[in-house]
Amino acid sequence: MKKILLIQTAFIGDVILSTPLIANLHKQFPNIQIDYLVKKGNEELLSGHPNVNHVFIFDKGNKWISLKENIRLIRQEKYDTIVNLHRFASSGLICALSGAKQKIGFKKNPFSFLYSKSYKHAIGNGEHEVDRNLSLIASFCDITIRKPSLYPSNEDYTFVSKFQGTAYYCLAPASIWFTKQAPIATWLQLIEKLSDSDHAIFLMGGPNDKALCKQIISESTKEVRSLAGELSIMQSVAFMKNAKRNFVNDSGPLHFASAVNAPVTVFFCSTIPAFGFGPLSDDAKIIEVAHLPCRPCGLHGHKTCPEGHFKCGALALED
């Protein structure tokens, strides 16, 4: 095998949880060319990866044009193998029309009937997504590496160094979904508790998270700084790597921490670790409200609590 393409055009966390495939493939086939297809906005995750040759970009904002162009470019590469980790139609079509000698993916993809091999993807049995992903290459590659990995650049580490004058905690309070996001009261309580130390406290997030971070700061009586919207994805990863501890929801920053083996505490509200998207850092803790009959209320979060009470957000912090 000389050339392989991996496809994962879902969310940031999904891309991160596919990186063990890169590590295992490179270890077994050191001279192989590994390329990757991600959705627009996620290319930064792999642009500096030492074992990724080229990153293709799927622009979902111009879906059909980008679909056609990526199929054309990928066919030109004449891949030996394509592994599609994405379970939805657009990626399945790209894989099916790629011209690759071997096409591998999950049975859930509607175009999996055109694959050379397809495998089961079962959520909720406690198996981690990393292991589900690795099952796609287990027939031809020895699996020895499970942890995801990202590689911030020297420039990323240099940029965040100006915020690292003292020891610090990182708090990432936001999520796309309301029911995956610990309530503001939880973050205020956490800030109160962490303020007993001499560590700085930083709120992390993207540009869309500025308002939430601003609200938390306005309601807190302690000194907190927001870096929401000030750091790129990889700068955020670099900054979280050296934090005393990171506190996150079941969201992208959880996987940032896993990818650099940073200490992390994760708040699971409406979703559960058994779905297979939990933390993989050596030092990882989970805080959740167990034994709620309505939990989990779905694989993904909701904009509002379906029951109207959001009891899964009543999280008790550790002593």
Protein backbone atom coordinates (compact mmCIF):
# COMPACT_ATOMS: atom_id res chain seq x y z
CA MET A 1 0.00 0.00 0.00
CA LYS A 2 1.42 3.37 -1.06
CA LYS A 3 -1.42 5.88 -0.75
CA ILE A 4 -4.41 6.09 1.59
CA LEU A 5 -7.11 8.71 2.10
CA LEU A 6 -9.04 9.12 5.35
CA ILE A 7 -12.39 10.93 5.29
CA GLN A 8 -14.08 12.56 8.26
CA THR A 9 -16.23 15.57 7.36
CA ALA A 10 -18.14 15.80 10.66
CA PHE A 11 -17.33 17.95 13.71
CA ILE A 12 -13.99 18.92 15.25
CA GLY A 13 -14.17 16.19 17.89
CA ASP A 14 -14.87 13.54 15.27
CA VAL A 15 -11.72 14.49 13.37
CA ILE A 16 -9.64 14.40 16.54
CA LEU A 17 -10.97 10.96 17.46
CA SER A 18 -9.87 9.66 14.05
CA THR A 19 -6.22 10.65 14.50
CA PRO A 20 -5.21 7.28 16.05
CA LEU A 21 -5.69 5.83 12.56
CA ILE A 22 -2.96 8.15 11.30
CA ALA A 23 -0.61 7.09 14.09
CA ASN A 24 -1.17 3.36 13.58
CA LEU A 25 -0.96 3.53 9.79
CA HIS A 26 2.27 5.52 9.92
CA LYS A 27 3.79 3.11 12.45
CA GLN A 28 2.97 0.04 10.33
CA PHE A 29 3.63 1.64 6.94
CA PRO A 30 6.26 4.36 7.55
CA ASN A 31 6.53 5.28 3.87
CA ILE A 32 2.82 5.43 3.13
CA GLN A 33 1.24 8.67 1.88
CA ILE A 34 -1.64 9.58 4.20
CA ASP A 35 -4.07 12.24 2.98
CA TYR A 36 -7.23 13.48 4.65
CA LEU A 37 -10.59 15.03 3.69
CA VAL A 38 -12.28 17.28 6.27
CA LYS A 39 -15.04 19.84 6.14
CA LYS A 40 -14.10 23.50 5.73
CA GLY A 41 -13.05 25.00 9.05
CA ASN A 42 -11.43 21.84 10.40
CA GLU A 43 -8.34 21.81 8.17
CA GLU A 44 -6.30 23.58 10.87
CA LEU A 45 -6.46 20.42 12.98
CA LEU A 46 -4.29 18.49 10.52
CA SER A 47 -2.38 21.16 8.60
CA GLY A 48 0.67 20.75 10.84
CA HIS A 49 0.39 17.01 11.41
CA PRO A 50 3.81 15.44 10.71
CA ASN A 51 2.31 12.30 9.15
CA VAL A 52 -0.38 13.87 6.96
CA ASN A 53 0.71 14.66 3.43
CA HIS A 54 -2.27 16.68 2.12
CA VAL A 55 -5.61 17.89 3.47
CA PHE A 56 -8.60 18.14 1.12
CA ILE A 57 -11.40 20.51 2.13
CA PHE A 58 -15.11 19.83 1.68
CA ASP A 59 -17.05 23.11 1.67
CA LYS A 60 -20.55 22.25 2.87
CA GLY A 61 -21.62 25.83 2.16
CA ASN A 62 -21.13 25.07 -1.55
CA LYS A 63 -21.95 21.40 -1.17
CA TRP A 64 -22.53 20.21 -4.73
CA ILE A 65 -19.70 22.21 -6.30
CA SER A 66 -17.29 21.05 -3.60
CA LEU A 67 -18.54 17.48 -3.85
CA LYS A 68 -17.89 17.37 -7.59
CA GLU A 69 -14.45 19.02 -7.29
CA ASN A 70 -13.29 16.73 -4.48
CA ILE A 71 -14.35 13.63 -6.40
CA ARG A 72 -12.36 14.89 -9.38
CA LEU A 73 -9.24 15.62 -7.32
CA ILE A 74 -9.43 12.38 -5.37
CA ARG A 75 -9.85 10.26 -8.49
CA GLN A 76 -6.65 11.82 -9.86
CA GLU A 77 -4.71 10.53 -6.86
CA LYS A 78 -5.52 6.85 -7.59
CA TYR A 79 -5.57 5.80 -3.94
CA ASP A 80 -4.92 2.22 -2.93
CA THR A 81 -7.36 2.55 -0.03
CA ILE A 82 -9.95 5.03 1.18
CA VAL A 83 -11.26 4.79 4.73
CA ASN A 84 -14.44 6.78 5.28
CA LEU A 85 -15.17 7.39 8.95
CA HIS A 86 -18.14 9.65 8.21
CA ARG A 87 -21.52 7.93 8.25
CA PHE A 88 -23.55 10.18 5.98
CA ALA A 89 -24.33 10.37 2.28
CA SER A 90 -21.98 13.07 0.96
CA SER A 91 -18.81 11.35 2.14
CA GLY A 92 -20.17 7.98 1.07
CA LEU A 93 -20.67 9.26 -2.45
CA ILE A 94 -17.12 10.65 -2.55
CA CYS A 95 -15.75 7.32 -1.36
CA ALA A 96 -17.89 5.30 -3.77
CA LEU A 97 -16.82 7.38 -6.79
CA SER A 98 -13.17 7.75 -5.74
CA GLY A 99 -11.77 5.06 -7.99
CA ALA A 100 -9.79 3.65 -5.06
CA LYS A 101 -8.85 -0.02 -5.20
CA GLN A 102 -10.27 -0.59 -1.72
CA LYS A 103 -13.10 1.37 -0.07
CA ILE A 104 -13.79 0.88 3.62
CA GLY A 105 -16.37 2.46 5.92
CA PHE A 106 -19.29 1.97 8.28
CA LYS A 107 -22.49 0.14 7.33
CA LYS A 108 -24.54 3.15 8.48
CA ASN A 109 -23.44 5.12 5.45
CA PRO A 110 -26.18 4.95 2.79
CA PHE A 111 -23.54 4.26 0.11
CA SER A 112 -21.80 1.49 2.05
CA PHE A 113 -23.21 -1.09 -0.37
CA LEU A 114 -20.62 0.25 -2.84
CA TYR A 115 -17.71 -0.26 -0.42
CA SER A 116 -15.23 -3.13 -0.55
CA LYS A 117 -15.71 -3.69 3.17
CA SER A 118 -18.14 -2.20 5.66
CA TYR A 119 -18.31 -2.52 9.43
CA LYS A 120 -20.85 -2.09 12.21
CA HIS A 121 -20.94 1.17 14.17
CA ALA A 122 -22.84 0.70 17.44
CA ILE A 123 -23.31 3.55 19.91
CA GLY A 124 -24.33 3.05 23.52
CA ASN A 125 -22.58 -0.22 24.37
CA GLY A 126 -19.67 1.50 26.13
CA GLU A 127 -17.22 1.13 23.24
CA HIS A 128 -15.24 4.29 22.61
CA GLU A 129 -15.48 6.06 19.25
CA VAL A 130 -11.71 5.68 18.88
CA ASP A 131 -12.09 1.90 18.94
CA ARG A 132 -15.01 1.98 16.52
CA ASN A 133 -12.85 4.02 14.15
CA LEU A 134 -9.84 1.74 14.53
CA SER A 135 -11.97 -1.28 13.65
CA LEU A 136 -11.97 -0.02 10.06
CA ILE A 137 -8.24 -0.68 9.63
CA ALA A 138 -7.78 -3.62 12.03
CA SER A 139 -7.83 -6.19 9.20
CA PHE A 140 -4.60 -4.86 7.67
CA CYS A 141 -2.92 -2.78 10.40
CA ASP A 142 -1.74 -3.69 13.91
CA ILE A 143 -3.49 -1.48 16.45
CA THR A 144 -1.10 -0.34 19.17
CA ILE A 145 -2.06 3.34 19.63
CA ARG A 146 -5.45 4.49 20.98
CA LYS A 147 -4.88 8.05 22.07
CA PRO A 148 -5.69 10.90 19.68
CA SER A 149 -3.01 13.44 18.90
CA LEU A 150 -2.76 17.01 17.63
CA TYR A 151 0.38 18.97 16.89
CA PRO A 152 0.27 22.70 17.63
CA SER A 153 3.09 24.56 15.92
CA ASN A 154 5.96 26.38 17.63
CA GLU A 155 4.19 29.59 16.62
CA ASP A 156 1.05 28.43 18.47
CA TYR A 157 3.02 27.78 21.65
CA THR A 158 4.83 31.10 21.32
CA PHE A 159 1.56 32.99 20.86
CA VAL A 160 -0.06 31.58 24.02
CA SER A 161 3.07 31.98 26.14
CA LYS A 162 2.11 35.60 26.88
CA PHE A 163 -0.84 34.30 28.93
CA GLN A 164 1.26 31.82 30.88
CA GLY A 165 3.01 34.03 33.39
CA THR A 166 1.56 32.02 36.23
CA ALA A 167 -0.13 28.64 36.72
CA TYR A 168 -3.68 28.62 35.37
CA TYR A 169 -6.95 26.79 34.87
CA CYS A 170 -8.90 26.65 31.61
CA LEU A 171 -12.71 26.63 31.64
CA ALA A 172 -14.62 26.02 28.38
CA PRO A 173 -18.26 26.73 29.33
CA ALA A 174 -19.94 26.69 25.91
CA SER A 175 -21.49 24.07 23.66
CA ILE A 176 -23.50 24.27 20.46
CA TRP A 177 -26.28 22.46 22.34
CA PHE A 178 -27.87 23.90 25.49
CA THR A 179 -28.39 20.51 27.14
CA LYS A 180 -24.71 19.59 26.74
CA GLN A 181 -23.66 22.79 28.49
CA ALA A 182 -23.23 22.97 32.26
CA PRO A 183 -25.35 25.84 33.67
CA ILE A 184 -23.80 29.22 34.40
CA ALA A 185 -24.32 28.56 38.12
CA THR A 186 -21.98 25.57 37.86
CA TRP A 187 -19.24 27.66 36.27
CA LEU A 188 -19.66 30.41 38.87
CA GLN A 189 -19.41 27.85 41.67
CA LEU A 190 -16.32 26.37 40.06
CA ILE A 191 -14.67 29.78 39.70
CA GLU A 192 -15.40 30.49 43.37
CA LYS A 193 -13.74 27.22 44.33
CA LEU A 194 -10.70 27.62 42.08
CA SER A 195 -10.13 31.18 43.26
CA ASP A 196 -8.94 29.83 46.61
CA SER A 197 -5.67 28.98 44.83
CA ASP A 198 -3.14 31.40 43.37
CA HIS A 199 -3.84 30.19 39.83
CA ALA A 200 -5.18 32.38 37.05
CA ILE A 201 -8.56 31.43 35.54
CA PHE A 202 -9.26 31.68 31.81
CA LEU A 203 -12.51 31.13 29.95
CA MET A 204 -12.03 29.47 26.56
CA GLY A 205 -14.19 29.39 23.45
CA GLY A 206 -14.73 30.56 19.92
CA PRO A 207 -16.07 33.89 18.67
CA ASN A 208 -19.67 32.70 19.16
CA ASP A 209 -18.95 32.04 22.85
CA LYS A 210 -17.96 35.60 23.75
CA ALA A 211 -21.39 36.57 25.08
CA LEU A 212 -21.61 33.57 27.42
CA CYS A 213 -18.09 34.16 28.76
CA LYS A 214 -18.87 37.85 29.24
CA GLN A 215 -21.99 36.97 31.21
CA ILE A 216 -20.07 34.56 33.46
CA ILE A 217 -17.45 37.22 34.16
CA SER A 218 -20.12 39.84 34.90
CA GLU A 219 -21.79 37.54 37.44
CA SER A 220 -18.57 36.40 39.10
CA THR A 221 -16.99 38.23 42.01
CA LYS A 222 -13.59 36.73 41.24
CA GLU A 223 -10.92 37.68 38.74
CA VAL A 224 -11.44 35.81 35.48
CA ARG A 225 -10.25 36.52 31.95
CA SER A 226 -11.95 35.46 28.75
CA LEU A 227 -9.93 34.31 25.74
CA ALA A 228 -13.05 33.46 23.74
CA GLY A 229 -12.44 34.38 20.12
CA GLU A 230 -8.83 35.37 20.78
CA LEU A 231 -7.20 32.01 20.06
CA SER A 232 -7.31 29.77 17.01
CA ILE A 233 -8.18 26.10 17.41
CA MET A 234 -4.57 25.00 17.62
CA GLN A 235 -3.60 27.90 19.89
CA SER A 236 -6.39 26.78 22.22
CA VAL A 237 -4.99 23.24 22.16
CA ALA A 238 -1.50 24.55 22.94
CA PHE A 239 -2.83 26.64 25.83
CA MET A 240 -4.89 23.82 27.33
CA LYS A 241 -1.94 21.44 27.20
CA ASN A 242 -0.11 23.22 30.00
CA ALA A 243 -3.09 24.16 32.18
CA LYS A 244 -3.17 22.97 35.77
CA ARG A 245 -6.55 21.50 34.82
CA ASN A 246 -9.16 21.96 32.11
CA PHE A 247 -12.91 21.99 32.82
CA VAL A 248 -15.08 21.30 29.80
CA ASN A 249 -18.47 20.07 28.58
CA ASP A 250 -19.07 17.08 26.32
CA SER A 251 -17.87 19.17 23.40
CA GLY A 252 -14.82 19.97 21.25
CA PRO A 253 -12.50 21.16 24.06
CA LEU A 254 -12.89 17.75 25.72
CA HIS A 255 -11.09 16.25 22.72
CA PHE A 256 -8.52 19.06 22.64
CA ALA A 257 -7.45 17.92 26.10
CA SER A 258 -7.36 14.26 25.08
CA ALA A 259 -5.23 15.08 22.03
CA VAL A 260 -2.43 16.55 24.17
CA ASN A 261 -3.02 14.35 27.24
CA ALA A 262 -3.94 17.36 29.37
CA PRO A 263 -5.65 16.99 32.78
CA VAL A 264 -9.40 17.39 32.30
CA THR A 265 -12.71 17.31 34.14
CA VAL A 266 -15.76 16.83 31.94
CA PHE A 267 -19.36 17.82 32.70
CA PHE A 268 -21.80 15.36 31.10
CA CYS A 269 -25.35 16.70 31.22
CA SER A 270 -27.88 15.22 28.77
CA THR A 271 -25.37 12.89 27.07
CA ILE A 272 -23.50 10.01 28.69
CA PRO A 273 -19.92 8.66 28.52
CA ALA A 274 -21.29 5.28 27.36
CA PHE A 275 -21.93 6.84 23.95
CA GLY A 276 -18.16 6.55 23.50
CA PHE A 277 -16.99 10.14 23.34
CA GLY A 278 -15.47 10.46 26.80
CA PRO A 279 -12.03 11.81 27.73
CA LEU A 280 -8.85 9.83 27.00
CA SER A 281 -6.32 11.81 29.02
CA ASP A 282 -4.40 9.92 31.70
CA ASP A 283 -5.83 12.33 34.28
CA ALA A 284 -9.53 12.54 33.41
CA LYS A 285 -12.58 12.90 35.65
CA ILE A 286 -16.27 12.91 34.81
CA ILE A 287 -19.02 14.76 36.68
CA GLU A 288 -22.61 13.79 35.90
CA VAL A 289 -26.02 13.31 37.45
CA ALA A 290 -26.55 9.56 37.41
CA HIS A 291 -29.78 7.55 37.45
CA LEU A 292 -32.08 10.14 35.88
CA PRO A 293 -34.82 8.24 34.02
CA CYS A 294 -34.85 10.82 31.21
CA ARG A 295 -31.09 10.68 30.66
CA PRO A 296 -29.77 10.40 28.02
CA CYS A 297 -32.41 12.20 25.97
CA GLY A 298 -30.58 11.65 22.69
CA LEU A 299 -27.21 11.12 21.09
CA HIS A 300 -26.75 14.85 20.54
CA GLY A 301 -27.85 17.72 22.71
CA HIS A 302 -31.02 19.81 22.44
CA LYS A 303 -31.66 23.54 22.32
CA THR A 304 -33.90 23.14 25.37
CA CYS A 305 -34.56 20.37 27.88
CA PRO A 306 -37.29 18.09 26.44
CA GLU A 307 -38.69 17.63 29.98
CA GLY A 308 -38.49 21.31 30.87
CA HIS A 309 -36.49 20.83 34.09
CA PHE A 310 -32.85 20.24 33.00
CA LYS A 311 -32.12 18.17 36.10
CA CYS A 312 -29.06 16.68 34.40
CA GLY A 313 -27.49 20.12 34.75
CA ALA A 314 -27.66 19.97 38.56
CA LEU A 315 -24.00 18.99 38.80
CA ALA A 316 -22.22 18.56 42.11
CA LEU A 317 -18.59 19.71 42.05
CA GLU A 318 -15.91 17.58 43.64
CA ASP A 319 -14.54 18.56 47.03
